[in-house]
Amino acid sequence: MHQHKAHPSQTRGFLIALVAAVFLSTTAIFIRYLTQTYHVPALVLALWRDIFVVLTLVPAFAVIKPSLLRLPARHLPYLAVYGFVLAFFNAFWTLSVSLNGAAVATVLVYSSGAFTAILGRIFLKEKLGWAKLTAVVMAITGCALVAGILELGSWQGNLAGVATGILGGLAYALYSLMGRTASQRGLDSWTTLLYVFAFAALFLLLVDLLPGAPLPGSCHVPAEIFWLKAAWLGWIILFLLGAIPTVMGFGLYLVSLSILPSSVANLVVTTEPVFTAITAYVLLGERLTAVQLAGAALILGGVVVLRMFEGRGERGRAAPSPQAIRK
């Protein structure tokens, strides 16, 4: 008698994406400490975060697997564009926070779930069924509730602020799609991570070197790139931000994109606000309200719906024909 089982690669992809969300969720703790204690400008922080990712990966690859450092030159233009998309996302996310506040910015950036599902359908021919659409709605609604969007006064974004936040969500969706196409090009996920963050650091450096701080959170003068100066504890925290949650979070996310459709991986990673809320409760004593708990349940419920649907689809494709199992 034939028994249906979840496809191992799909299950592995879901678990990897969930672990990526756990790592990414801890970045808020590091960033909050650095911005509140040392008042590091946002784009300066983003620049050093990317630099420390590169400085972590290069020696690690050199020792563990030197082949990860090598890349055919033909892929460099593609990865440069990919790095620009990451820098674009970082910049617009920062601008959105400054214009809208954290709650509204969080909701807007998770519009990426809808963007990824739609763009994945258009460009990558990924399936867009009722279950995936349901998961998109549940994820975005849940993120809104976890972020406290229903609280009085939390929605203060003007047209420019809302547009900036949505552009950040679009950039995150493009990042997800390009991660999927990178795997289709045969690029190793960890090699992709190294080169994408290297290019993103280069683009952010150029932004920070522009005179007069044209963007909020960038440098007024080049010397402000070294904002922390002799604050060694701040440098250590900033290095740990790049070396642990960023490397593991973005790295495992790219690995999940090599297994799952981009829309599915992106939706699974929308569990990040749930893990952030749990971490804040454990480390900072912040408590979830009933509304936020309901939002967390919606996000996790959307992932469950998505997993059940994807698992059923995989089993259907993997199931043998009646003739194959007939004795």
Protein backbone atom coordinates (compact mmCIF):
# COMPACT_ATOMS: atom_id res chain seq x y z
CA MET A 1 0.00 0.00 0.00
CA HIS A 2 1.47 3.35 -1.05
CA GLN A 3 1.85 5.91 1.75
CA HIS A 4 2.23 9.62 1.04
CA LYS A 5 5.10 11.36 2.79
CA ALA A 6 6.29 14.96 2.72
CA HIS A 7 8.98 15.46 0.13
CA PRO A 8 12.33 15.59 2.00
CA SER A 9 13.71 18.56 0.03
CA GLN A 10 10.58 20.62 0.65
CA THR A 11 10.66 19.88 4.37
CA ARG A 12 14.37 20.73 4.48
CA GLY A 13 13.72 24.00 2.64
CA PHE A 14 10.98 25.02 5.08
CA LEU A 15 13.16 24.24 8.09
CA ILE A 16 16.13 26.16 6.66
CA ALA A 17 13.91 29.19 5.95
CA LEU A 18 12.54 29.06 9.51
CA VAL A 19 16.04 28.92 10.99
CA ALA A 20 16.99 31.87 8.75
CA ALA A 21 14.04 33.81 10.20
CA VAL A 22 15.24 33.01 13.74
CA PHE A 23 18.71 34.41 13.00
CA LEU A 24 17.35 37.48 11.17
CA SER A 25 14.99 38.22 14.06
CA THR A 26 17.94 38.80 16.42
CA THR A 27 19.33 41.64 14.29
CA ALA A 28 16.81 44.04 15.82
CA ILE A 29 18.39 43.52 19.25
CA PHE A 30 21.88 44.37 17.96
CA ILE A 31 20.66 47.35 15.92
CA ARG A 32 18.60 48.73 18.79
CA TYR A 33 21.59 48.59 21.12
CA LEU A 34 23.91 50.32 18.61
CA THR A 35 21.48 53.07 17.63
CA GLN A 36 20.35 53.83 21.19
CA THR A 37 23.75 53.56 22.88
CA TYR A 38 26.05 55.01 20.22
CA HIS A 39 23.55 56.78 17.90
CA VAL A 40 25.21 55.26 14.82
CA PRO A 41 23.66 56.71 11.63
CA ALA A 42 21.57 54.03 9.93
CA LEU A 43 23.39 53.92 6.60
CA VAL A 44 26.78 53.92 8.34
CA LEU A 45 25.60 50.95 10.42
CA ALA A 46 24.35 49.20 7.26
CA LEU A 47 27.71 49.80 5.56
CA TRP A 48 29.76 48.26 8.38
CA ARG A 49 27.29 45.41 8.72
CA ASP A 50 27.94 44.49 5.08
CA ILE A 51 31.70 44.97 5.45
CA PHE A 52 31.85 42.66 8.46
CA VAL A 53 29.85 40.03 6.58
CA VAL A 54 32.57 40.04 3.91
CA LEU A 55 35.38 40.07 6.49
CA THR A 56 33.78 37.06 8.18
CA LEU A 57 33.19 35.01 5.04
CA VAL A 58 36.54 35.50 3.25
CA PRO A 59 38.79 33.93 5.94
CA ALA A 60 36.14 31.30 6.77
CA PHE A 61 35.94 30.20 3.13
CA ALA A 62 39.74 30.33 2.76
CA VAL A 63 40.12 27.85 5.61
CA ILE A 64 37.05 25.64 5.14
CA LYS A 65 36.50 25.57 1.38
CA PRO A 66 38.64 27.90 -0.79
CA SER A 67 36.62 27.05 -3.90
CA LEU A 68 33.76 29.20 -2.50
CA LEU A 69 35.92 32.29 -3.08
CA ARG A 70 36.23 31.62 -6.80
CA LEU A 71 33.64 32.77 -9.26
CA PRO A 72 33.56 32.82 -13.08
CA ALA A 73 33.91 36.42 -14.25
CA ARG A 74 30.77 36.14 -16.39
CA HIS A 75 28.64 36.16 -13.21
CA LEU A 76 30.06 39.41 -11.82
CA PRO A 77 27.69 41.81 -13.66
CA TYR A 78 24.70 39.81 -12.42
CA LEU A 79 25.96 39.79 -8.83
CA ALA A 80 26.73 43.52 -9.03
CA VAL A 81 23.08 44.16 -9.89
CA TYR A 82 22.07 41.80 -7.09
CA GLY A 83 24.28 43.75 -4.66
CA PHE A 84 22.72 47.00 -5.82
CA VAL A 85 19.28 45.54 -5.06
CA LEU A 86 20.44 44.64 -1.53
CA ALA A 87 21.88 48.14 -1.01
CA PHE A 88 18.64 49.60 -2.39
CA PHE A 89 16.65 47.54 0.10
CA ASN A 90 18.84 48.62 3.01
CA ALA A 91 18.59 52.28 2.03
CA PHE A 92 14.81 52.32 1.52
CA TRP A 93 14.20 50.30 4.68
CA THR A 94 16.18 52.92 6.62
CA LEU A 95 14.35 55.80 4.95
CA SER A 96 11.01 54.14 5.65
CA VAL A 97 11.80 53.83 9.35
CA SER A 98 12.81 57.50 9.51
CA LEU A 99 9.68 58.67 7.65
CA ASN A 100 7.05 56.27 8.98
CA GLY A 101 8.29 54.93 12.29
CA ALA A 102 9.15 51.32 13.03
CA ALA A 103 5.61 49.92 13.17
CA VAL A 104 4.43 51.25 9.81
CA ALA A 105 7.80 50.53 8.16
CA THR A 106 7.65 46.91 9.31
CA VAL A 107 4.20 46.44 7.82
CA LEU A 108 5.20 48.06 4.53
CA VAL A 109 8.40 46.03 4.10
CA TYR A 110 6.40 42.81 4.47
CA SER A 111 4.43 43.81 1.41
CA SER A 112 7.35 41.88 -0.11
CA GLY A 113 5.33 38.69 0.41
CA ALA A 114 2.72 39.86 -2.07
CA PHE A 115 5.30 41.31 -4.45
CA THR A 116 7.32 38.09 -4.42
CA ALA A 117 4.29 35.93 -5.11
CA ILE A 118 3.17 38.13 -8.02
CA LEU A 119 6.64 38.71 -9.53
CA GLY A 120 7.51 35.03 -9.06
CA ARG A 121 4.44 34.16 -11.07
CA ILE A 122 5.32 36.63 -13.85
CA PHE A 123 9.06 36.07 -14.18
CA LEU A 124 9.73 32.59 -12.76
CA LYS A 125 6.40 30.94 -13.64
CA GLU A 126 5.86 29.95 -10.01
CA LYS A 127 2.38 28.71 -9.19
CA LEU A 128 0.01 31.18 -7.52
CA GLY A 129 -2.91 29.20 -6.11
CA TRP A 130 -5.52 29.95 -3.47
CA ALA A 131 -3.37 28.56 -0.64
CA LYS A 132 -0.43 30.81 -1.48
CA LEU A 133 -2.70 33.85 -1.79
CA THR A 134 -4.25 32.95 1.57
CA ALA A 135 -0.79 32.72 3.13
CA VAL A 136 0.13 36.15 1.68
CA VAL A 137 -2.96 37.77 3.21
CA MET A 138 -2.44 36.03 6.56
CA ALA A 139 1.25 36.99 6.69
CA ILE A 140 0.72 40.66 5.87
CA THR A 141 -2.23 40.95 8.27
CA GLY A 142 -0.28 39.17 11.00
CA CYS A 143 2.76 41.42 10.53
CA ALA A 144 0.49 44.46 10.80
CA LEU A 145 -0.91 43.23 14.11
CA VAL A 146 2.48 42.24 15.56
CA ALA A 147 3.88 45.67 14.60
CA GLY A 148 1.02 47.36 16.47
CA ILE A 149 -0.41 49.05 13.41
CA LEU A 150 -3.86 49.27 15.05
CA GLU A 151 -2.54 51.37 17.94
CA LEU A 152 -3.67 54.96 17.89
CA GLY A 153 -1.13 57.22 16.22
CA SER A 154 1.08 54.46 14.82
CA TRP A 155 0.09 55.24 11.22
CA GLN A 156 1.69 58.61 10.57
CA GLY A 157 3.23 58.05 7.15
CA ASN A 158 2.60 60.59 4.42
CA LEU A 159 2.45 59.74 0.73
CA ALA A 160 6.25 59.94 0.38
CA GLY A 161 6.73 57.74 3.46
CA VAL A 162 4.28 55.10 2.28
CA ALA A 163 5.83 55.09 -1.19
CA THR A 164 9.30 54.66 0.34
CA GLY A 165 8.14 51.76 2.50
CA ILE A 166 6.49 50.01 -0.43
CA LEU A 167 9.66 50.46 -2.50
CA GLY A 168 11.55 48.79 0.34
CA GLY A 169 9.13 45.84 0.17
CA LEU A 170 9.56 45.71 -3.60
CA ALA A 171 13.35 45.67 -3.19
CA TYR A 172 13.12 42.80 -0.70
CA ALA A 173 10.96 40.90 -3.18
CA LEU A 174 13.51 41.51 -5.93
CA TYR A 175 16.25 40.28 -3.59
CA SER A 176 14.28 37.05 -3.08
CA LEU A 177 13.68 36.58 -6.81
CA MET A 178 17.35 37.16 -7.64
CA GLY A 179 18.34 34.64 -4.97
CA ARG A 180 16.17 32.09 -6.72
CA THR A 181 17.63 32.89 -10.16
CA ALA A 182 21.16 32.75 -8.71
CA SER A 183 20.57 29.12 -7.74
CA GLN A 184 19.16 28.45 -11.19
CA ARG A 185 22.40 29.80 -12.65
CA GLY A 186 24.26 27.17 -10.65
CA LEU A 187 25.82 29.64 -8.20
CA ASP A 188 26.60 28.37 -4.72
CA SER A 189 24.43 30.11 -2.12
CA TRP A 190 27.37 31.03 0.13
CA THR A 191 29.50 32.33 -2.75
CA THR A 192 26.52 34.42 -3.83
CA LEU A 193 26.20 35.79 -0.29
CA LEU A 194 29.84 36.90 -0.23
CA TYR A 195 29.79 38.71 -3.56
CA VAL A 196 26.36 40.27 -3.10
CA PHE A 197 27.30 41.76 0.28
CA ALA A 198 30.64 42.95 -1.12
CA PHE A 199 28.90 44.83 -3.92
CA ALA A 200 26.23 46.14 -1.50
CA ALA A 201 29.00 47.47 0.78
CA LEU A 202 30.59 49.23 -2.19
CA PHE A 203 27.32 50.92 -3.17
CA LEU A 204 26.58 51.97 0.44
CA LEU A 205 30.12 53.36 0.75
CA LEU A 206 29.51 55.52 -2.31
CA VAL A 207 26.26 56.79 -0.78
CA ASP A 208 27.94 57.56 2.54
CA LEU A 209 30.75 59.44 0.78
CA LEU A 210 28.35 61.76 -1.04
CA PRO A 211 28.80 65.26 0.42
CA GLY A 212 26.14 66.82 2.62
CA ALA A 213 24.29 63.67 3.76
CA PRO A 214 21.77 63.60 0.87
CA LEU A 215 19.98 60.65 2.49
CA PRO A 216 18.85 60.43 6.13
CA GLY A 217 21.29 58.33 8.11
CA SER A 218 24.26 58.87 5.78
CA CYS A 219 27.46 60.79 6.54
CA HIS A 220 27.74 64.56 6.58
CA VAL A 221 31.51 64.22 6.18
CA PRO A 222 33.58 61.13 5.22
CA ALA A 223 35.11 60.91 8.71
CA GLU A 224 31.69 59.96 10.10
CA ILE A 225 32.08 56.55 8.49
CA PHE A 226 34.22 55.80 11.56
CA TRP A 227 31.45 57.00 13.85
CA LEU A 228 32.31 54.63 16.71
CA LYS A 229 35.94 55.83 16.85
CA ALA A 230 37.52 54.22 19.96
CA ALA A 231 34.27 52.69 21.28
CA TRP A 232 35.60 49.13 21.13
CA LEU A 233 32.51 47.52 22.64
CA GLY A 234 30.43 49.16 19.92
CA TRP A 235 32.77 47.80 17.24
CA ILE A 236 32.53 44.32 18.76
CA ILE A 237 28.71 44.44 18.81
CA LEU A 238 28.70 45.71 15.22
CA PHE A 239 31.06 42.91 14.14
CA LEU A 240 28.88 40.30 15.86
CA LEU A 241 25.83 41.75 14.06
CA GLY A 242 27.49 41.09 10.71
CA ALA A 243 29.26 37.86 11.62
CA ILE A 244 26.41 35.91 13.23
CA PRO A 245 22.76 36.88 12.55
CA THR A 246 23.42 38.54 9.18
CA VAL A 247 25.70 35.82 7.78
CA MET A 248 23.55 32.98 9.04
CA GLY A 249 20.20 34.68 8.38
CA PHE A 250 20.86 35.82 4.82
CA GLY A 251 23.03 32.79 4.08
CA LEU A 252 20.41 30.26 5.11
CA TYR A 253 17.74 32.31 3.35
CA LEU A 254 19.70 32.00 0.09
CA VAL A 255 20.08 28.25 0.72
CA SER A 256 16.30 27.97 1.17
CA LEU A 257 15.82 29.85 -2.12
CA SER A 258 17.84 27.14 -3.86
CA ILE A 259 15.25 24.61 -2.65
CA LEU A 260 11.93 26.45 -2.46
CA PRO A 261 10.13 28.81 -4.85
CA SER A 262 11.01 32.42 -3.97
CA SER A 263 7.43 33.23 -2.96
CA VAL A 264 7.31 30.28 -0.55
CA ALA A 265 10.69 31.04 1.06
CA ASN A 266 9.76 34.73 1.45
CA LEU A 267 6.47 33.86 3.13
CA VAL A 268 8.15 31.45 5.55
CA VAL A 269 10.63 34.17 6.55
CA THR A 270 7.72 36.47 7.45
CA THR A 271 7.76 34.55 10.75
CA GLU A 272 10.67 36.85 11.65
CA PRO A 273 8.50 39.37 13.58
CA VAL A 274 7.18 36.52 15.71
CA PHE A 275 10.69 35.44 16.68
CA THR A 276 11.68 39.07 17.23
CA ALA A 277 8.79 39.50 19.63
CA ILE A 278 9.79 36.33 21.52
CA THR A 279 13.43 37.48 21.72
CA ALA A 280 12.35 40.92 22.95
CA TYR A 281 10.20 39.28 25.61
CA VAL A 282 13.05 37.06 26.84
CA LEU A 283 15.88 39.61 26.69
CA LEU A 284 14.13 42.95 27.08
CA GLY A 285 11.02 42.04 29.05
CA GLU A 286 8.68 43.34 26.35
CA ARG A 287 5.27 41.66 26.48
CA LEU A 288 2.95 40.77 23.62
CA THR A 289 -0.57 42.14 23.69
CA ALA A 290 -3.57 40.00 22.79
CA VAL A 291 -3.67 41.65 19.36
CA GLN A 292 0.02 40.90 18.77
CA LEU A 293 -0.49 37.29 19.82
CA ALA A 294 -3.33 37.07 17.30
CA GLY A 295 -1.00 38.48 14.64
CA ALA A 296 1.69 35.94 15.50
CA ALA A 297 -0.89 33.16 15.20
CA LEU A 298 -1.92 34.46 11.76
CA ILE A 299 1.69 34.50 10.52
CA LEU A 300 2.40 30.99 11.76
CA GLY A 301 -0.99 29.82 10.48
CA GLY A 302 -0.16 31.15 7.03
CA VAL A 303 3.08 29.15 7.01
CA VAL A 304 1.17 26.02 8.10
CA VAL A 305 -1.36 26.51 5.27
CA LEU A 306 1.49 27.03 2.83
CA ARG A 307 3.37 23.95 4.06
CA MET A 308 0.29 21.75 3.83
CA PHE A 309 -0.44 22.97 0.30
CA GLU A 310 3.17 22.64 -0.91
CA GLY A 311 3.49 19.19 0.67
CA ARG A 312 0.30 18.01 -1.03
CA GLY A 313 1.55 19.35 -4.36
CA GLU A 314 4.89 17.58 -3.98
CA ARG A 315 3.21 14.31 -3.03
CA GLY A 316 0.91 14.60 -6.01
CA ARG A 317 3.84 15.07 -8.35
CA ALA A 318 5.85 12.32 -6.70
CA ALA A 319 3.06 9.77 -6.53
CA PRO A 320 3.43 6.88 -8.98
CA SER A 321 0.76 6.07 -11.49
CA PRO A 322 -1.78 3.33 -10.70
CA GLN A 323 -0.03 1.11 -13.23
CA ALA A 324 3.26 1.55 -11.40
CA ILE A 325 1.89 0.32 -8.09
CA ARG A 326 -0.42 -2.35 -9.47
CA LYS A 327 0.85 -5.87 -8.91
